[in-house]
């Protein structure tokens, strides 16, 4: 049975937010923070350790104030990406923001984990473009960048959402974009060997394109964009410039794709956000403000980073597995560009130089198929295991915004453990998400939340923590 909160609190002001936190502390109630509600493992909804908990839902704290003179915006922690993009577009047709494409994702968790999107090869992650923040700590006190200190400000940018306090608001840098950009989504369905060839060539092209170009790759046997059944690959392309330049660049670098003018559309940046949002055909820019998905779906996801080109045999292995399960697919997101030049220690998110692309493994199913959920989860785990020889190692890295409890979870037990045990056992998943930044995150956690009030099953334990033990699974 899924644990339920004893209450859901929806503060409507900073003062109410601070009082909500203080009230939970006084009542010895655990806190879960929900912004957009998109945690892959449901950490914004549930607490599996049996502790009575309250959800503090930030949805009413969703205002965005854009200040064009300084090219910044203050974004309340409960705003969605769609609401943020919409507000920026109303203030300027020459500015945007670098974050993900799903408009219903909350900025709080997204920025907290890094936030990769179509502009990231040009401008870095969402978290790279945060210049200040207002953080409410476990006592309900408010801190800005100066008062929280650089160690904590470093940690909240990419160190995972919901672990440090509650970010009431982020101050972000809005970013210059041209008035015309080019977007396309093209599917290529053919033989398995031809799909393998396209994916194999993609990994040599996409990470090496200029930062103005983003070209991702979806691969599966049941992709919604494909016009026929069977294995196919879909390429999402976004270019900060006119169509003629986009086609010229890509046909020179990737002639095998065969991109033609009829497959491309010139549009404004905000129109491109709608184009890649997953909203229904004919959606309006104003639809970005809708907070809710129209359809209920179940899913499981895992992630990998790739540092060396995957040989053709590795791609063929992936295609054989994908061919067996039409509900599953992978998304390959290219790195390179400015991501290659930003230091791994600049913020808590560490995955920079040397990464060619990420793999996001996904399988979706409907409620009617939920009796087969174990089979679907087994499939994606077997897929992940089969890709071991072709992805990063020492450790096998993962992206915190694609949270995956298979990497290990933290559990309270009656006989307790000392602080060193908690920190060392949490290292099992902590170093996969944060690499060598893990130890600095532990120190930052100890500074801002020494009693571990803000936690979840894959939290960062403070050095002062003395009660939890950790069950970790090495994968």
Protein backbone atom coordinates (compact mmCIF):
# COMPACT_ATOMS: atom_id res chain seq x y z
CA UNK A 1 0.00 0.00 0.00
CA UNK A 2 1.31 3.46 -0.93
CA UNK A 3 1.91 5.57 2.23
CA UNK A 4 -0.29 8.67 2.36
CA UNK A 5 0.48 12.05 3.93
CA UNK A 6 -1.43 13.16 6.99
CA UNK A 7 -1.89 16.54 5.31
CA UNK A 8 -1.11 18.45 2.12
CA UNK A 9 -0.25 22.10 2.74
CA UNK A 10 -0.44 24.68 -0.04
CA UNK A 11 1.24 27.90 1.15
CA UNK A 12 0.31 31.08 -0.73
CA UNK A 13 3.12 33.31 0.50
CA UNK A 14 6.69 33.15 1.74
CA UNK A 15 5.46 33.71 5.30
CA UNK A 16 3.04 30.78 5.05
CA UNK A 17 5.80 28.60 3.63
CA UNK A 18 8.10 29.42 6.55
CA UNK A 19 5.34 28.77 9.08
CA UNK A 20 4.46 25.47 7.38
CA UNK A 21 8.01 24.23 7.79
CA UNK A 22 8.18 25.39 11.41
CA UNK A 23 4.85 23.71 12.17
CA UNK A 24 6.02 20.38 10.76
CA UNK A 25 9.17 20.57 12.86
CA UNK A 26 7.20 21.31 16.02
CA UNK A 27 4.94 18.35 15.31
CA UNK A 28 7.84 15.99 14.49
CA UNK A 29 6.41 15.43 11.02
CA UNK A 30 8.57 14.53 8.06
CA UNK A 31 8.38 16.89 5.06
CA UNK A 32 8.04 16.10 1.39
CA UNK A 33 8.19 19.03 -1.02
CA UNK A 34 6.20 18.96 -4.27
CA UNK A 35 6.70 21.50 -7.05
CA UNK A 36 5.65 19.94 -10.35
CA UNK A 37 5.34 16.41 -8.97
CA UNK A 38 7.63 14.84 -11.58
CA UNK A 39 10.00 12.91 -9.32
CA UNK A 40 10.76 9.69 -11.21
CA UNK A 41 10.55 7.67 -7.98
CA UNK A 42 7.70 9.61 -6.38
CA UNK A 43 9.81 11.25 -3.67
CA UNK A 44 7.62 14.36 -3.76
CA UNK A 45 4.53 12.28 -2.96
CA UNK A 46 5.42 9.45 -0.59
CA UNK A 47 7.66 8.49 2.32
CA UNK A 48 8.28 4.76 2.49
CA UNK A 49 9.91 4.55 5.94
CA UNK A 50 6.59 4.70 7.82
CA UNK A 51 7.21 8.13 9.35
CA UNK A 52 4.14 10.41 9.45
CA UNK A 53 4.71 13.06 6.80
CA UNK A 54 3.27 16.20 5.28
CA UNK A 55 3.45 17.28 1.64
CA UNK A 56 4.22 20.96 1.21
CA UNK A 57 2.86 21.64 -2.27
CA UNK A 58 4.36 24.74 -3.87
CA UNK A 59 1.82 25.08 -6.68
CA UNK A 60 0.45 28.43 -5.44
CA UNK A 61 3.95 29.92 -5.30
CA UNK A 62 4.31 30.04 -9.07
CA UNK A 63 4.92 33.68 -9.96
CA UNK A 64 7.65 34.76 -12.38
CA UNK A 65 9.02 38.31 -12.44
CA UNK A 66 11.18 39.13 -15.46
CA UNK A 67 13.55 42.10 -15.19
CA UNK A 68 14.73 42.86 -18.72
CA UNK A 69 17.08 45.64 -17.65
CA UNK A 70 19.28 43.11 -15.85
CA UNK A 71 18.24 40.19 -18.09
CA UNK A 72 17.21 38.18 -15.03
CA UNK A 73 14.03 36.74 -13.59
CA UNK A 74 12.89 35.71 -10.14
CA UNK A 75 10.98 32.43 -10.40
CA UNK A 76 9.04 31.11 -7.41
CA UNK A 77 9.82 27.50 -6.59
CA UNK A 78 6.36 26.21 -7.46
CA UNK A 79 6.37 27.51 -11.04
CA UNK A 80 6.55 24.99 -13.86
CA UNK A 81 8.95 25.21 -16.76
CA UNK A 82 6.01 26.07 -18.99
CA UNK A 83 4.94 28.95 -16.77
CA UNK A 84 8.53 30.21 -16.69
CA UNK A 85 8.96 30.02 -20.45
CA UNK A 86 5.62 31.75 -21.02
CA UNK A 87 6.49 34.64 -18.69
CA UNK A 88 9.85 35.18 -20.39
CA UNK A 89 8.21 35.17 -23.82
CA UNK A 90 5.75 37.84 -22.71
CA UNK A 91 8.62 40.09 -21.65
CA UNK A 92 10.85 39.60 -24.72
CA UNK A 93 10.92 37.85 -28.08
CA UNK A 94 14.71 37.72 -27.97
CA UNK A 95 15.23 35.87 -24.69
CA UNK A 96 14.72 32.34 -23.44
CA UNK A 97 15.97 29.98 -20.76
CA UNK A 98 17.95 26.75 -20.79
CA UNK A 99 15.92 23.94 -19.23
CA UNK A 100 13.93 20.85 -20.16
CA UNK A 101 11.19 20.44 -22.73
CA UNK A 102 8.33 19.08 -20.57
CA UNK A 103 6.26 22.14 -19.55
CA UNK A 104 4.62 20.56 -16.48
CA UNK A 105 7.93 19.87 -14.72
CA UNK A 106 8.47 22.09 -11.68
CA UNK A 107 11.46 24.42 -11.62
CA UNK A 108 12.29 23.46 -8.03
CA UNK A 109 13.30 19.87 -8.63
CA UNK A 110 14.47 20.45 -12.19
CA UNK A 111 17.00 23.16 -11.34
CA UNK A 112 17.85 21.33 -8.14
CA UNK A 113 19.10 18.37 -10.17
CA UNK A 114 20.78 20.37 -12.94
CA UNK A 115 18.21 20.73 -15.71
CA UNK A 116 19.30 19.71 -19.22
CA UNK A 117 17.46 20.96 -22.31
CA UNK A 118 17.66 22.14 -25.89
CA UNK A 119 19.75 25.21 -25.05
CA UNK A 120 22.20 23.38 -22.78
CA UNK A 121 24.86 22.85 -25.44
CA UNK A 122 24.79 26.64 -25.98
CA UNK A 123 24.28 28.01 -22.46
CA UNK A 124 24.70 25.11 -20.02
CA UNK A 125 22.13 23.67 -17.65
CA UNK A 126 19.30 25.49 -15.91
CA UNK A 127 21.38 25.35 -12.71
CA UNK A 128 24.37 26.91 -14.50
CA UNK A 129 22.23 29.99 -15.08
CA UNK A 130 21.10 30.58 -11.49
CA UNK A 131 22.60 33.73 -9.96
CA UNK A 132 20.79 33.81 -6.60
CA UNK A 133 18.19 31.89 -4.61
CA UNK A 134 15.98 32.25 -1.53
CA UNK A 135 16.13 29.12 0.62
CA UNK A 136 13.94 28.25 3.61
CA UNK A 137 15.81 25.98 6.02
CA UNK A 138 14.51 23.37 8.47
CA UNK A 139 13.80 26.06 11.09
CA UNK A 140 11.79 28.20 8.66
CA UNK A 141 14.58 30.77 8.34
CA UNK A 142 15.21 32.49 4.99
CA UNK A 143 18.62 32.64 3.32
CA UNK A 144 19.80 34.29 0.11
CA UNK A 145 23.02 33.44 -1.70
CA UNK A 146 25.18 35.59 0.57
CA UNK A 147 23.71 34.41 3.85
CA UNK A 148 23.51 30.70 2.95
CA UNK A 149 27.16 30.76 1.87
CA UNK A 150 28.80 29.56 -1.32
CA UNK A 151 29.00 25.90 -0.24
CA UNK A 152 25.23 25.64 0.15
CA UNK A 153 24.53 27.78 -2.92
CA UNK A 154 26.82 25.42 -4.85
CA UNK A 155 24.95 22.37 -3.52
CA UNK A 156 21.41 23.49 -4.36
CA UNK A 157 22.43 23.87 -8.00
CA UNK A 158 22.55 20.29 -9.23
CA UNK A 159 22.83 18.46 -5.89
CA UNK A 160 19.28 17.11 -6.02
CA UNK A 161 15.90 18.63 -5.25
CA UNK A 162 14.26 18.55 -1.83
CA UNK A 163 17.40 17.80 0.19
CA UNK A 164 18.68 21.18 1.42
CA UNK A 165 15.57 23.08 2.43
CA UNK A 166 12.82 24.55 0.27
CA UNK A 167 13.84 26.96 -2.46
CA UNK A 168 11.21 29.68 -2.31
CA UNK A 169 12.56 31.37 -5.44
CA UNK A 170 15.39 31.16 -7.97
CA UNK A 171 16.99 34.16 -9.65
CA UNK A 172 17.89 33.05 -13.17
CA UNK A 173 19.74 34.62 -16.07
CA UNK A 174 17.51 34.92 -19.12
CA UNK A 175 19.40 34.15 -22.29
CA UNK A 176 19.63 35.73 -25.72
CA UNK A 177 17.99 33.82 -28.55
CA UNK A 178 17.48 34.86 -32.19
CA UNK A 179 14.02 35.85 -33.36
CA UNK A 180 14.04 32.91 -35.77
CA UNK A 181 15.06 29.35 -34.85
CA UNK A 182 14.68 26.10 -36.79
CA UNK A 183 13.00 22.96 -35.45
CA UNK A 184 12.35 19.52 -36.86
CA UNK A 185 11.27 16.04 -35.84
CA UNK A 186 12.07 13.40 -38.45
CA UNK A 187 11.59 9.65 -38.25
CA UNK A 188 13.52 7.05 -40.19
CA UNK A 189 12.04 3.54 -40.33
CA UNK A 190 14.00 0.89 -42.16
CA UNK A 191 15.84 -2.36 -41.62
CA UNK A 192 17.54 -3.04 -38.30
CA UNK A 193 20.94 -2.63 -39.93
CA UNK A 194 20.01 0.78 -41.37
CA UNK A 195 18.67 2.01 -38.03
CA UNK A 196 21.89 0.77 -36.40
CA UNK A 197 23.94 2.67 -38.98
CA UNK A 198 22.06 5.92 -38.35
CA UNK A 199 22.41 5.68 -34.57
CA UNK A 200 26.07 4.73 -34.88
CA UNK A 201 26.79 7.76 -37.06
CA UNK A 202 24.69 10.07 -34.84
CA UNK A 203 27.04 9.59 -31.88
CA UNK A 204 29.95 10.91 -33.95
CA UNK A 205 27.95 13.91 -35.19
CA UNK A 206 25.66 15.28 -32.48
CA UNK A 207 28.24 15.89 -29.68
CA UNK A 208 30.54 17.68 -32.14
CA UNK A 209 28.05 20.10 -33.69
CA UNK A 210 28.39 23.75 -32.75
CA UNK A 211 26.61 24.81 -29.57
CA UNK A 212 23.80 26.43 -31.57
CA UNK A 213 22.68 22.96 -32.71
CA UNK A 214 20.91 20.31 -30.64
CA UNK A 215 20.16 16.93 -32.22
CA UNK A 216 18.73 14.17 -30.05
CA UNK A 217 17.87 10.62 -31.03
CA UNK A 218 14.94 8.43 -29.96
CA UNK A 219 15.13 4.71 -30.72
CA UNK A 220 12.45 2.05 -30.26
CA UNK A 221 10.01 -0.38 -31.86
CA UNK A 222 6.89 1.61 -31.05
CA UNK A 223 7.84 5.29 -31.20
CA UNK A 224 4.74 7.50 -31.45
CA UNK A 225 6.40 9.69 -34.09
CA UNK A 226 7.04 6.72 -36.42
CA UNK A 227 4.54 6.24 -39.23
CA UNK A 228 4.94 2.45 -39.35
CA UNK A 229 5.49 -0.31 -36.82
CA UNK A 230 8.86 -1.87 -36.17
CA UNK A 231 12.23 -0.45 -35.25
CA UNK A 232 12.74 3.21 -36.03
CA UNK A 233 14.69 6.21 -34.91
CA UNK A 234 13.41 9.75 -34.52
CA UNK A 235 15.70 12.78 -34.54
CA UNK A 236 14.67 16.00 -32.79
CA UNK A 237 16.63 18.94 -34.13
CA UNK A 238 16.81 22.51 -32.87
CA UNK A 239 19.02 25.22 -34.33
CA UNK A 240 19.50 28.82 -33.23
CA UNK A 241 19.25 30.25 -36.70
CA UNK A 242 17.54 30.01 -40.10
CA UNK A 243 16.50 26.83 -41.84
CA UNK A 244 18.99 27.14 -44.71
CA UNK A 245 21.92 27.16 -42.29
CA UNK A 246 20.54 24.25 -40.28
CA UNK A 247 20.10 22.08 -43.38
CA UNK A 248 23.51 23.02 -44.73
CA UNK A 249 25.28 22.18 -41.45
CA UNK A 250 23.50 18.88 -40.96
CA UNK A 251 23.72 17.66 -44.54
CA UNK A 252 27.45 18.22 -44.42
CA UNK A 253 27.93 16.53 -41.05
CA UNK A 254 25.21 13.87 -41.32
CA UNK A 255 24.25 13.27 -44.96
CA UNK A 256 22.92 9.82 -44.07
CA UNK A 257 19.97 11.49 -42.35
CA UNK A 258 18.91 13.15 -45.60
CA UNK A 259 17.26 16.17 -44.01
CA UNK A 260 15.19 18.23 -46.47
CA UNK A 261 13.52 21.63 -46.29
CA UNK A 262 10.00 20.16 -46.07
CA UNK A 263 10.90 18.54 -42.74
CA UNK A 264 12.00 21.80 -41.06
CA UNK A 265 10.05 24.73 -39.66
CA UNK A 266 11.25 28.24 -38.89
CA UNK A 267 9.63 29.69 -35.77
CA UNK A 268 10.22 31.82 -32.70
CA UNK A 269 11.98 30.36 -29.66
CA UNK A 270 8.74 30.18 -27.66
CA UNK A 271 7.02 28.41 -30.55
CA UNK A 272 9.84 25.87 -30.53
CA UNK A 273 9.15 25.27 -26.83
CA UNK A 274 5.56 24.36 -27.77
CA UNK A 275 6.81 22.28 -30.72
CA UNK A 276 8.96 20.04 -28.47
CA UNK A 277 6.65 20.12 -25.43
CA UNK A 278 4.69 16.97 -26.15
CA UNK A 279 1.45 18.97 -26.09
CA UNK A 280 -1.20 18.04 -28.64
CA UNK A 281 -1.05 19.31 -32.21
CA UNK A 282 -2.39 22.84 -32.46
CA UNK A 283 -1.38 23.72 -28.90
CA UNK A 284 -0.98 27.44 -28.19
CA UNK A 285 1.81 29.25 -26.39
CA UNK A 286 -0.66 29.94 -23.57
CA UNK A 287 -1.11 26.17 -23.13
CA UNK A 288 2.37 26.09 -21.62
CA UNK A 289 0.77 27.43 -18.43
CA UNK A 290 -1.32 24.28 -17.93
CA UNK A 291 0.12 22.39 -14.95
CA UNK A 292 -1.41 18.98 -15.53
CA UNK A 293 -0.87 16.15 -17.95
CA UNK A 294 -4.00 14.98 -19.74
CA UNK A 295 -3.29 11.27 -19.42
CA UNK A 296 -2.29 8.95 -16.58
CA UNK A 297 0.71 6.76 -17.38
CA UNK A 298 2.99 4.42 -15.50
CA UNK A 299 6.69 4.19 -16.26
CA UNK A 300 10.16 3.13 -15.15
CA UNK A 301 13.36 4.87 -16.20
CA UNK A 302 17.12 4.44 -15.86
CA UNK A 303 20.07 6.45 -17.16
CA UNK A 304 23.65 6.18 -18.34
CA UNK A 305 26.48 8.42 -19.51
CA UNK A 306 28.55 7.45 -22.53
CA UNK A 307 32.19 8.53 -22.78
CA UNK A 308 33.38 6.38 -25.68
CA UNK A 309 31.64 5.72 -28.98
CA UNK A 310 29.44 2.65 -28.76
CA UNK A 311 30.60 0.04 -31.29
CA UNK A 312 28.13 -1.26 -33.83
CA UNK A 313 27.79 -4.50 -31.85
CA UNK A 314 26.60 -2.48 -28.83
CA UNK A 315 23.99 -0.66 -30.87
CA UNK A 316 22.83 -3.95 -32.40
CA UNK A 317 22.53 -5.41 -28.89
CA UNK A 318 20.30 -2.47 -27.89
CA UNK A 319 18.14 -2.82 -31.00
CA UNK A 320 17.58 -6.53 -30.39
CA UNK A 321 16.32 -5.75 -26.89
CA UNK A 322 14.17 -2.83 -28.05
CA UNK A 323 12.66 -4.95 -30.80
CA UNK A 324 11.18 -7.28 -28.19
CA UNK A 325 9.27 -4.56 -26.27
CA UNK A 326 7.36 -1.91 -28.23
CA UNK A 327 6.49 -0.03 -25.02
CA UNK A 328 10.17 0.68 -24.37
CA UNK A 329 12.57 3.11 -25.98
CA UNK A 330 15.70 5.15 -25.35
CA UNK A 331 16.44 8.86 -25.64
CA UNK A 332 20.01 9.83 -26.53
CA UNK A 333 20.84 13.45 -25.59
CA UNK A 334 24.08 14.94 -26.95
CA UNK A 335 26.57 16.73 -24.75
CA UNK A 336 29.54 18.70 -26.07
CA UNK A 337 29.27 22.40 -26.84
CA UNK A 338 29.64 24.56 -23.74
CA UNK A 339 28.95 21.50 -21.56
CA UNK A 340 32.45 20.38 -22.52
CA UNK A 341 33.98 23.61 -21.20
CA UNK A 342 32.23 24.04 -17.84
CA UNK A 343 34.15 22.62 -14.88
CA UNK A 344 32.80 19.51 -13.16
CA UNK A 345 33.14 21.38 -9.87
CA UNK A 346 31.47 24.66 -10.89
CA UNK A 347 28.15 23.46 -9.44
CA UNK A 348 27.15 20.16 -7.84
CA UNK A 349 26.16 18.59 -11.20
CA UNK A 350 29.43 16.96 -12.35
CA UNK A 351 28.88 15.39 -15.78
CA UNK A 352 30.82 17.60 -18.19
CA UNK A 353 33.99 17.11 -20.24
CA UNK A 354 34.40 13.68 -21.74
CA UNK A 355 30.71 12.80 -21.92
CA UNK A 356 29.48 12.25 -25.46
CA UNK A 357 25.82 11.72 -24.63
CA UNK A 358 23.33 10.40 -22.10
CA UNK A 359 21.04 7.41 -22.46
CA UNK A 360 17.63 7.56 -20.85
CA UNK A 361 15.96 4.14 -20.84
CA UNK A 362 12.16 4.32 -20.60
CA UNK A 363 9.20 2.01 -20.60
CA UNK A 364 5.61 3.29 -20.38
CA UNK A 365 2.37 1.45 -19.85
CA UNK A 366 -1.29 2.20 -19.17
CA UNK A 367 -3.33 1.37 -16.09
CA UNK A 368 -4.97 -1.55 -17.90
CA UNK A 369 -1.54 -3.18 -18.23
CA UNK A 370 -0.43 -2.59 -14.65
CA UNK A 371 -0.65 -6.32 -13.87
CA UNK A 372 2.37 -6.68 -16.17
CA UNK A 373 4.42 -4.02 -14.38
CA UNK A 374 6.93 -6.54 -13.03
CA UNK A 375 7.62 -7.78 -16.56
CA UNK A 376 8.15 -4.22 -17.78
CA UNK A 377 10.52 -3.38 -14.93
CA UNK A 378 12.43 -6.65 -15.45
CA UNK A 379 12.80 -5.76 -19.13
CA UNK A 380 14.37 -2.36 -18.48
CA UNK A 381 16.70 -3.78 -15.83
CA UNK A 382 17.88 -6.47 -18.23
CA UNK A 383 18.41 -3.82 -20.92
CA UNK A 384 20.47 -1.73 -18.50
CA UNK A 385 22.58 -4.76 -17.56
CA UNK A 386 23.21 -5.63 -21.21
CA UNK A 387 24.58 -2.11 -21.88
CA UNK A 388 27.19 -2.34 -19.11
CA UNK A 389 30.19 -2.82 -21.45
CA UNK A 390 29.35 0.27 -23.49
CA UNK A 391 28.79 3.00 -20.89
CA UNK A 392 30.73 4.87 -18.20
CA UNK A 393 32.40 3.01 -15.36
CA UNK A 394 34.28 3.71 -12.14
CA UNK A 395 31.53 4.58 -11.23
CA UNK A 396 28.76 3.89 -13.70
CA UNK A 397 27.32 7.41 -13.70
CA UNK A 398 23.64 8.41 -13.60
CA UNK A 399 21.59 11.62 -13.72
CA UNK A 400 19.85 12.58 -10.47
CA UNK A 401 16.83 14.04 -12.31
CA UNK A 402 16.23 10.52 -13.68
CA UNK A 403 16.19 9.14 -10.12
CA UNK A 404 16.53 5.38 -9.98
CA UNK A 405 16.06 3.46 -6.71
CA UNK A 406 17.74 0.42 -8.27
CA UNK A 407 21.02 2.17 -7.45
CA UNK A 408 20.34 1.84 -3.70
CA UNK A 409 18.04 3.33 -1.07
CA UNK A 410 18.26 4.63 2.48
CA UNK A 411 16.15 3.00 5.18
CA UNK A 412 15.71 3.62 8.90
CA UNK A 413 16.35 0.58 11.07
CA UNK A 414 15.91 0.08 14.79
CA UNK A 415 19.48 -0.67 15.81
CA UNK A 416 20.87 2.44 14.10
CA UNK A 417 24.29 3.10 12.71
CA UNK A 418 26.91 5.73 13.11
CA UNK A 419 27.32 8.77 10.90
CA UNK A 420 30.23 7.27 8.98
CA UNK A 421 28.12 4.24 8.02
CA UNK A 422 25.36 6.46 6.62
CA UNK A 423 27.72 8.65 4.63
CA UNK A 424 29.74 5.75 3.28
CA UNK A 425 26.77 3.61 2.32
CA UNK A 426 25.00 6.53 0.64
CA UNK A 427 28.17 6.88 -1.44
CA UNK A 428 26.89 3.88 -3.46
CA UNK A 429 24.37 6.06 -5.28
CA UNK A 430 25.86 9.42 -4.33
CA UNK A 431 29.01 8.94 -6.39
CA UNK A 432 27.02 7.68 -9.37
CA UNK A 433 24.96 10.87 -9.40
CA UNK A 434 27.64 13.32 -8.24
CA UNK A 435 31.03 11.62 -8.83
CA UNK A 436 33.80 13.33 -6.83
CA UNK A 437 31.41 16.11 -5.75
CA UNK A 438 29.70 13.75 -3.29
CA UNK A 439 31.92 14.55 -0.30
CA UNK A 440 31.47 18.29 -0.74
CA UNK A 441 27.71 17.74 -0.85
CA UNK A 442 27.90 15.89 2.48
CA UNK A 443 29.71 18.87 3.98
CA UNK A 444 27.12 21.30 2.56
CA UNK A 445 24.29 19.13 3.90
CA UNK A 446 25.87 19.21 7.34
CA UNK A 447 26.00 23.01 7.22
CA UNK A 448 22.41 23.66 6.16
CA UNK A 449 20.45 20.62 7.40
CA UNK A 450 22.47 18.82 10.13
CA UNK A 451 19.37 16.98 11.43
CA UNK A 452 18.48 15.64 7.97
CA UNK A 453 14.98 17.12 8.01
CA UNK A 454 14.88 17.27 4.21
CA UNK A 455 15.54 13.74 3.03
CA UNK A 456 14.35 10.96 0.80
CA UNK A 457 15.33 7.39 -0.02
CA UNK A 458 18.37 8.61 -1.97
CA UNK A 459 19.29 11.56 0.20
CA UNK A 460 22.63 13.06 1.13
CA UNK A 461 23.22 12.26 4.82
CA UNK A 462 24.92 14.88 6.97
CA UNK A 463 28.01 13.95 8.94
CA UNK A 464 26.07 14.55 12.15
CA UNK A 465 23.43 11.97 11.28
CA UNK A 466 23.56 9.05 13.73
CA UNK A 467 20.34 7.06 13.31
CA UNK A 468 19.82 5.74 9.76
CA UNK A 469 21.38 2.76 8.16
CA UNK A 470 21.50 2.30 4.43
CA UNK A 471 20.65 -0.65 2.26
CA UNK A 472 22.59 -0.21 -0.95
CA UNK A 473 22.66 -2.26 -4.09
CA UNK A 474 25.79 -2.15 -6.21
CA UNK A 475 24.94 -2.07 -9.90
